[in-house]
N, C-alpha and C. Protein backbone atom coordinates (compact mmCIF):
# COMPACT_ATOMS: atom_id res chain seq x y z
N UNK A 1 163.93 126.21 152.15
CA UNK A 1 163.52 124.96 151.54
C UNK A 1 163.78 125.04 150.04
N UNK A 2 164.49 124.08 149.52
CA UNK A 2 164.79 124.09 148.09
C UNK A 2 163.83 123.18 147.36
N UNK A 3 163.61 123.49 146.11
CA UNK A 3 162.75 122.64 145.27
C UNK A 3 163.62 121.97 144.23
N UNK A 4 163.21 120.80 143.84
CA UNK A 4 163.95 120.08 142.81
C UNK A 4 162.99 119.69 141.71
N UNK A 5 163.52 119.56 140.52
CA UNK A 5 162.70 119.10 139.41
C UNK A 5 162.87 117.60 139.27
N UNK A 6 162.06 117.00 138.44
CA UNK A 6 162.18 115.57 138.18
C UNK A 6 163.56 115.21 137.64
N UNK A 7 164.15 116.12 136.87
CA UNK A 7 165.48 115.86 136.32
C UNK A 7 166.49 115.64 137.44
N UNK A 8 166.38 116.38 138.53
CA UNK A 8 167.34 116.28 139.62
C UNK A 8 167.02 115.15 140.59
N UNK A 9 165.83 114.59 140.51
CA UNK A 9 165.43 113.53 141.42
C UNK A 9 165.69 112.14 140.86
N UNK A 10 166.28 112.02 139.71
CA UNK A 10 166.48 110.73 139.07
C UNK A 10 167.41 109.85 139.90
N UNK A 11 167.08 108.55 139.90
CA UNK A 11 167.91 107.57 140.61
C UNK A 11 169.18 107.25 139.84
N UNK A 12 169.17 107.45 138.53
CA UNK A 12 170.33 107.15 137.69
C UNK A 12 170.50 108.27 136.67
N UNK A 13 171.74 108.61 136.36
CA UNK A 13 171.95 109.67 135.37
C UNK A 13 171.61 109.14 133.98
N UNK A 14 171.06 110.03 133.17
CA UNK A 14 170.64 109.65 131.83
C UNK A 14 171.69 110.06 130.80
N UNK A 15 171.79 109.25 129.78
CA UNK A 15 172.70 109.51 128.66
C UNK A 15 171.87 109.96 127.48
N UNK A 16 172.23 111.11 126.90
CA UNK A 16 171.52 111.60 125.72
C UNK A 16 171.86 110.72 124.53
N UNK A 17 170.84 110.27 123.82
CA UNK A 17 171.02 109.41 122.65
C UNK A 17 169.97 109.77 121.61
N UNK A 18 170.12 109.25 120.44
CA UNK A 18 169.09 109.34 119.41
C UNK A 18 169.07 107.98 118.71
N UNK A 19 168.20 107.11 119.21
CA UNK A 19 168.13 105.74 118.71
C UNK A 19 166.69 105.38 118.40
N UNK A 20 166.53 104.46 117.47
CA UNK A 20 165.21 103.93 117.15
C UNK A 20 164.91 102.77 118.10
N UNK A 21 163.67 102.74 118.58
CA UNK A 21 163.24 101.64 119.45
C UNK A 21 161.87 101.15 118.99
N UNK A 22 161.51 99.99 119.47
CA UNK A 22 160.22 99.39 119.15
C UNK A 22 159.50 99.06 120.44
N UNK A 23 158.19 99.25 120.42
CA UNK A 23 157.34 98.94 121.55
C UNK A 23 156.43 97.78 121.16
N UNK A 24 156.41 96.75 122.00
CA UNK A 24 155.55 95.59 121.78
C UNK A 24 154.61 95.45 122.96
N UNK A 25 153.37 95.13 122.67
CA UNK A 25 152.41 94.85 123.74
C UNK A 25 152.91 93.63 124.52
N UNK A 26 152.44 93.45 125.73
CA UNK A 26 152.88 92.33 126.55
C UNK A 26 152.54 90.98 125.93
N UNK A 27 151.56 90.96 125.00
CA UNK A 27 151.22 89.71 124.30
C UNK A 27 152.14 89.47 123.11
N UNK A 28 153.08 90.39 122.85
CA UNK A 28 154.05 90.22 121.77
C UNK A 28 153.72 90.93 120.49
N UNK A 29 152.52 91.50 120.35
CA UNK A 29 152.14 92.21 119.13
C UNK A 29 152.84 93.57 119.07
N UNK A 30 153.30 93.94 117.87
CA UNK A 30 153.95 95.23 117.69
C UNK A 30 152.95 96.34 117.91
N UNK A 31 153.34 97.35 118.67
CA UNK A 31 152.44 98.47 118.96
C UNK A 31 152.85 99.74 118.22
N UNK A 32 154.12 100.17 118.37
CA UNK A 32 154.54 101.44 117.80
C UNK A 32 156.07 101.53 117.77
N UNK A 33 156.59 102.27 116.81
CA UNK A 33 158.01 102.60 116.77
C UNK A 33 158.20 103.96 117.44
N UNK A 34 159.38 104.19 117.99
CA UNK A 34 159.64 105.46 118.66
C UNK A 34 161.12 105.80 118.59
N UNK A 35 161.47 106.99 119.06
CA UNK A 35 162.85 107.44 119.16
C UNK A 35 163.20 107.57 120.63
N UNK A 36 164.40 107.13 121.01
CA UNK A 36 164.89 107.29 122.37
C UNK A 36 165.72 108.56 122.41
N UNK A 37 165.36 109.49 123.27
CA UNK A 37 166.11 110.76 123.40
C UNK A 37 167.15 110.70 124.50
N UNK A 38 166.82 110.05 125.61
CA UNK A 38 167.81 109.79 126.64
C UNK A 38 167.43 108.52 127.37
N UNK A 39 168.45 107.89 127.99
CA UNK A 39 168.23 106.58 128.60
C UNK A 39 169.16 106.42 129.78
N UNK A 40 168.71 105.66 130.77
CA UNK A 40 169.54 105.32 131.93
C UNK A 40 169.27 103.87 132.29
N UNK A 41 169.84 103.43 133.39
CA UNK A 41 169.59 102.06 133.85
C UNK A 41 168.15 101.89 134.32
N UNK A 42 167.50 102.99 134.70
CA UNK A 42 166.16 102.88 135.29
C UNK A 42 165.02 103.33 134.39
N UNK A 43 165.31 104.03 133.28
CA UNK A 43 164.23 104.50 132.42
C UNK A 43 164.73 105.24 131.21
N UNK A 44 163.78 105.86 130.48
CA UNK A 44 164.13 106.56 129.25
C UNK A 44 163.08 107.62 128.93
N UNK A 45 163.46 108.53 128.05
CA UNK A 45 162.52 109.53 127.50
C UNK A 45 162.38 109.21 126.02
N UNK A 46 161.13 109.04 125.58
CA UNK A 46 160.84 108.64 124.21
C UNK A 46 160.08 109.72 123.47
N UNK A 47 160.28 109.75 122.15
CA UNK A 47 159.43 110.53 121.25
C UNK A 47 158.53 109.52 120.56
N UNK A 48 157.22 109.68 120.77
CA UNK A 48 156.23 108.76 120.21
C UNK A 48 155.20 109.58 119.45
N UNK A 49 155.18 109.44 118.14
CA UNK A 49 154.26 110.23 117.32
C UNK A 49 152.80 109.86 117.55
N UNK A 50 152.53 108.59 117.84
CA UNK A 50 151.16 108.14 118.06
C UNK A 50 151.00 107.71 119.51
N UNK A 51 150.72 108.65 120.39
CA UNK A 51 150.60 108.35 121.82
C UNK A 51 149.48 107.35 122.11
N UNK A 52 148.44 107.35 121.30
CA UNK A 52 147.33 106.41 121.52
C UNK A 52 147.77 104.96 121.32
N UNK A 53 148.80 104.75 120.50
CA UNK A 53 149.28 103.40 120.24
C UNK A 53 150.27 102.91 121.30
N UNK A 54 150.70 103.81 122.20
CA UNK A 54 151.67 103.45 123.23
C UNK A 54 150.93 102.89 124.45
N UNK A 55 151.08 101.57 124.71
CA UNK A 55 150.41 100.98 125.87
C UNK A 55 151.01 101.51 127.18
N UNK A 56 150.29 101.39 128.27
CA UNK A 56 150.82 101.82 129.56
C UNK A 56 151.97 100.95 130.04
N UNK A 57 151.92 99.65 129.73
CA UNK A 57 152.99 98.73 130.07
C UNK A 57 153.32 97.91 128.83
N UNK A 58 154.61 97.66 128.58
CA UNK A 58 155.01 97.05 127.31
C UNK A 58 156.42 96.50 127.37
N UNK A 59 156.80 95.79 126.30
CA UNK A 59 158.17 95.35 126.08
C UNK A 59 158.85 96.41 125.22
N UNK A 60 159.99 96.90 125.68
CA UNK A 60 160.75 97.98 125.04
C UNK A 60 161.99 97.36 124.44
N UNK A 61 162.19 97.53 123.12
CA UNK A 61 163.31 96.91 122.41
C UNK A 61 164.11 97.98 121.69
N UNK A 62 165.44 97.96 121.91
CA UNK A 62 166.35 98.82 121.15
C UNK A 62 167.19 97.88 120.28
N UNK A 63 166.78 97.69 119.01
CA UNK A 63 167.46 96.72 118.15
C UNK A 63 168.96 96.99 117.98
N UNK A 64 169.36 98.25 117.87
CA UNK A 64 170.78 98.55 117.66
C UNK A 64 171.65 98.17 118.84
N UNK A 65 171.06 98.11 120.04
CA UNK A 65 171.81 97.72 121.24
C UNK A 65 171.54 96.28 121.64
N UNK A 66 170.58 95.64 120.98
CA UNK A 66 170.29 94.23 121.23
C UNK A 66 169.74 93.92 122.60
N UNK A 67 168.85 94.78 123.11
CA UNK A 67 168.24 94.47 124.40
C UNK A 67 166.75 94.72 124.41
N UNK A 68 166.11 94.10 125.39
CA UNK A 68 164.67 94.22 125.60
C UNK A 68 164.43 94.33 127.10
N UNK A 69 163.46 95.17 127.49
CA UNK A 69 163.06 95.29 128.89
C UNK A 69 161.57 95.55 128.96
N UNK A 70 160.95 95.11 130.03
CA UNK A 70 159.58 95.48 130.30
C UNK A 70 159.60 96.89 130.86
N UNK A 71 158.67 97.73 130.42
CA UNK A 71 158.64 99.13 130.85
C UNK A 71 157.22 99.60 131.09
N UNK A 72 157.12 100.72 131.80
CA UNK A 72 155.82 101.32 132.10
C UNK A 72 155.92 102.83 131.89
N UNK A 73 154.88 103.41 131.29
CA UNK A 73 154.83 104.87 131.09
C UNK A 73 154.56 105.52 132.44
N UNK A 74 155.37 106.55 132.78
CA UNK A 74 155.16 107.28 134.03
C UNK A 74 154.68 108.70 133.78
N UNK A 75 154.91 109.22 132.57
CA UNK A 75 154.35 110.51 132.18
C UNK A 75 154.28 110.61 130.66
N UNK A 76 153.37 111.48 130.19
CA UNK A 76 153.18 111.77 128.77
C UNK A 76 153.00 113.27 128.63
N UNK A 77 153.68 113.85 127.66
CA UNK A 77 153.58 115.29 127.38
C UNK A 77 153.76 115.51 125.88
N UNK A 78 152.67 115.84 125.18
CA UNK A 78 152.77 116.00 123.72
C UNK A 78 153.18 114.70 123.08
N UNK A 79 154.28 114.73 122.29
CA UNK A 79 154.77 113.50 121.67
C UNK A 79 155.89 112.85 122.49
N UNK A 80 156.10 113.31 123.73
CA UNK A 80 157.13 112.75 124.61
C UNK A 80 156.48 111.83 125.66
N UNK A 81 157.23 110.82 126.07
CA UNK A 81 156.79 109.92 127.13
C UNK A 81 157.99 109.53 127.97
N UNK A 82 157.81 109.52 129.27
CA UNK A 82 158.83 109.04 130.19
C UNK A 82 158.47 107.64 130.63
N UNK A 83 159.45 106.74 130.59
CA UNK A 83 159.18 105.36 130.98
C UNK A 83 160.15 104.93 132.08
N UNK A 84 159.72 103.98 132.87
CA UNK A 84 160.55 103.35 133.88
C UNK A 84 160.65 101.87 133.53
N UNK A 85 161.86 101.33 133.69
CA UNK A 85 162.06 99.92 133.40
C UNK A 85 161.63 99.07 134.59
N UNK A 86 160.92 97.97 134.29
CA UNK A 86 160.40 97.08 135.33
C UNK A 86 161.17 95.76 135.41
N UNK A 87 162.08 95.54 134.46
CA UNK A 87 162.82 94.28 134.43
C UNK A 87 164.28 94.54 134.06
N UNK A 88 165.07 93.51 134.19
CA UNK A 88 166.47 93.55 133.74
C UNK A 88 166.50 93.45 132.22
N UNK A 89 167.61 93.90 131.64
CA UNK A 89 167.78 93.78 130.19
C UNK A 89 167.98 92.32 129.80
N UNK A 90 167.32 91.94 128.70
CA UNK A 90 167.51 90.62 128.12
C UNK A 90 167.65 90.78 126.62
N UNK A 91 168.11 89.75 125.96
CA UNK A 91 168.21 89.78 124.51
C UNK A 91 166.82 89.51 123.92
N UNK A 92 166.42 90.31 122.92
CA UNK A 92 165.11 90.06 122.30
C UNK A 92 165.15 88.84 121.40
N UNK A 93 164.02 88.20 121.17
CA UNK A 93 163.95 87.07 120.24
C UNK A 93 164.00 87.59 118.80
N UNK A 94 165.19 87.86 118.28
CA UNK A 94 165.37 88.58 117.02
C UNK A 94 164.68 87.96 115.82
N UNK A 95 164.67 86.65 115.72
CA UNK A 95 164.05 86.03 114.54
C UNK A 95 162.56 86.31 114.51
N UNK A 96 161.93 86.43 115.65
CA UNK A 96 160.50 86.73 115.69
C UNK A 96 160.22 88.20 115.48
N UNK A 97 161.12 89.07 115.93
CA UNK A 97 160.92 90.50 115.75
C UNK A 97 160.87 90.87 114.28
N UNK A 98 161.61 90.16 113.46
CA UNK A 98 161.62 90.44 112.03
C UNK A 98 160.26 90.17 111.39
N UNK A 99 159.48 89.30 112.01
CA UNK A 99 158.14 88.98 111.51
C UNK A 99 157.07 89.91 112.06
N UNK A 100 157.46 90.90 112.87
CA UNK A 100 156.49 91.86 113.39
C UNK A 100 155.82 91.44 114.69
N UNK A 101 156.23 90.31 115.24
CA UNK A 101 155.67 89.85 116.50
C UNK A 101 156.81 89.35 117.37
N UNK A 102 156.63 89.45 118.67
CA UNK A 102 157.70 89.03 119.57
C UNK A 102 157.59 87.55 119.94
N UNK A 103 156.38 87.01 119.95
CA UNK A 103 156.19 85.64 120.44
C UNK A 103 155.74 84.72 119.33
């Protein structure tokens, strides 16, 4: 019987990146900034300095790539968090993001 790690059980391969992302509460209020370490079609691994500010479910925005998705935290370890995407990618409301709120 072989054992596999979470890395080998992924539904989609992840691409290593180093990008800045923003997390917004579902009500549109800004929650925390973070770094994306790797990303796939189904989820990502984030570096979040303030884990207490990271909601369990949120809007995930990568401004440099121009997309937004609803996401949920599936694990937390130190300043790292694994997330799974719950929605398709959409364009964020950029004019509102500049004001610190999504809605």
